[in-house]
Amino acid sequence: MADTYAEFREAVNMSAADLKKWLGTDESKDVGQKASAGAESVGHDSGRKIVQLLGKKKSALSEADEEHMRKVVGYVHRHLAQRPEGDVTETKWRYSLMNWGHDPLKG
């Protein structure tokens, strides 16, 4: 669990408050894979779970929490490797990463 937690905290560089605020934007809701038209995207759902995880004490994390943290780390690493060229400030690539708690423009 300790390694997963450390990797998760490294991959997720947005605070719970910043992520929650981001998830309320239209840009956040417009990106990602959706099961059907009008449905919530996988990344947006993940973002809501990440906000909850960031609010938990490490000792209170469950096996399901750890599983989701591994999923987040894997997604962030894969997606970062697909960085498009040029300015990514207003791209679906960045917005998708932000749904998963990682802002590539941050530090």
Protein backbone atom coordinates (compact mmCIF):
# COMPACT_ATOMS: atom_id res chain seq x y z
CA MET A 1 0.00 0.00 0.00
CA ALA A 2 2.82 2.44 0.84
CA ASP A 3 4.28 2.34 -2.69
CA THR A 4 0.86 2.72 -4.31
CA TYR A 5 0.00 5.63 -2.02
CA ALA A 6 3.29 7.40 -2.80
CA GLU A 7 2.84 6.89 -6.56
CA PHE A 8 -0.75 8.14 -6.33
CA ARG A 9 0.28 11.28 -4.45
CA GLU A 10 2.97 11.92 -7.06
CA ALA A 11 0.60 11.39 -10.02
CA VAL A 12 -2.22 13.49 -8.53
CA ASN A 13 -0.83 17.01 -8.39
CA MET A 14 -4.15 18.82 -7.92
CA SER A 15 -5.61 19.49 -4.49
CA ALA A 16 -9.02 18.08 -3.62
CA ALA A 17 -10.47 21.61 -3.72
CA ASP A 18 -8.94 22.39 -7.13
CA LEU A 19 -10.08 19.06 -8.57
CA LYS A 20 -13.60 19.48 -7.22
CA LYS A 21 -13.79 22.96 -8.73
CA TRP A 22 -12.46 21.65 -12.08
CA LEU A 23 -15.02 18.82 -12.16
CA GLY A 24 -17.78 21.43 -12.08
CA THR A 25 -16.67 22.99 -15.38
CA ASP A 26 -18.16 22.31 -18.81
CA GLU A 27 -14.67 21.47 -20.15
CA SER A 28 -14.34 18.73 -17.56
CA LYS A 29 -17.68 17.22 -18.52
CA ASP A 30 -17.02 17.38 -22.28
CA VAL A 31 -13.97 15.08 -22.41
CA GLY A 32 -13.44 11.37 -21.96
CA GLN A 33 -15.01 8.04 -22.79
CA LYS A 34 -18.72 7.78 -22.07
CA ALA A 35 -20.88 4.66 -21.99
CA SER A 36 -23.66 6.57 -23.75
CA ALA A 37 -24.57 10.07 -24.86
CA GLY A 38 -25.12 12.30 -21.84
CA ALA A 39 -23.49 9.82 -19.46
CA GLU A 40 -20.62 10.75 -17.15
CA SER A 41 -17.18 9.93 -18.56
CA VAL A 42 -14.92 7.37 -16.93
CA GLY A 43 -12.40 10.12 -16.09
CA HIS A 44 -14.99 12.42 -14.57
CA ASP A 45 -16.24 9.59 -12.34
CA SER A 46 -12.63 8.84 -11.41
CA GLY A 47 -12.10 12.49 -10.50
CA ARG A 48 -14.97 12.35 -8.03
CA LYS A 49 -13.43 9.23 -6.46
CA ILE A 50 -10.03 10.95 -6.30
CA VAL A 51 -11.54 13.88 -4.39
CA GLN A 52 -12.85 11.34 -1.84
CA LEU A 53 -9.48 9.56 -1.67
CA LEU A 54 -7.64 12.82 -1.05
CA GLY A 55 -9.96 13.44 1.90
CA LYS A 56 -9.21 10.12 3.57
CA LYS A 57 -6.46 9.35 6.02
CA LYS A 58 -3.94 6.86 4.67
CA SER A 59 -4.88 4.42 7.43
CA ALA A 60 -8.55 4.52 6.36
CA LEU A 61 -7.93 3.48 2.76
CA SER A 62 -9.52 0.22 1.65
CA GLU A 63 -8.39 -2.38 -0.89
CA ALA A 64 -10.86 -0.86 -3.37
CA ASP A 65 -9.27 2.55 -2.74
CA GLU A 66 -5.83 1.12 -3.39
CA GLU A 67 -7.08 -0.49 -6.60
CA HIS A 68 -8.42 2.86 -7.81
CA MET A 69 -5.17 4.59 -6.88
CA ARG A 70 -3.28 2.08 -9.07
CA LYS A 71 -5.73 2.76 -11.92
CA VAL A 72 -5.13 6.52 -11.57
CA VAL A 73 -1.35 6.13 -11.58
CA GLY A 74 -1.48 3.92 -14.68
CA TYR A 75 -3.78 6.30 -16.53
CA VAL A 76 -1.72 9.40 -15.72
CA HIS A 77 1.54 7.73 -16.78
CA ARG A 78 0.07 6.39 -20.06
CA HIS A 79 -1.60 9.68 -20.91
CA LEU A 80 1.49 11.78 -20.17
CA ALA A 81 3.42 9.64 -22.67
CA GLN A 82 0.94 10.74 -25.37
CA ARG A 83 1.54 14.47 -24.92
CA PRO A 84 0.76 16.33 -28.14
CA GLU A 85 3.15 18.89 -29.56
CA GLY A 86 2.66 22.58 -29.03
CA ASP A 87 0.68 24.50 -26.44
CA VAL A 88 -1.52 22.10 -24.47
CA THR A 89 -3.25 24.75 -22.33
CA GLU A 90 -6.72 24.35 -23.85
CA THR A 91 -6.60 20.77 -25.15
CA LYS A 92 -8.76 17.74 -24.54
CA TRP A 93 -5.53 15.92 -23.64
CA ARG A 94 -4.92 18.27 -20.69
CA TYR A 95 -8.57 18.36 -19.68
CA SER A 96 -8.72 14.57 -19.61
CA LEU A 97 -5.64 14.40 -17.39
CA MET A 98 -7.12 16.99 -15.09
CA ASN A 99 -10.22 14.81 -14.65
CA TRP A 100 -7.78 12.21 -13.27
CA GLY A 101 -6.25 14.76 -10.86
CA HIS A 102 -3.14 15.69 -12.85
CA ASP A 103 -2.60 19.13 -14.37
CA PRO A 104 0.41 18.84 -16.72
CA LEU A 105 0.92 22.62 -16.57
CA LYS A 106 1.39 22.58 -12.81
CA GLY A 107 4.98 22.66 -11.57
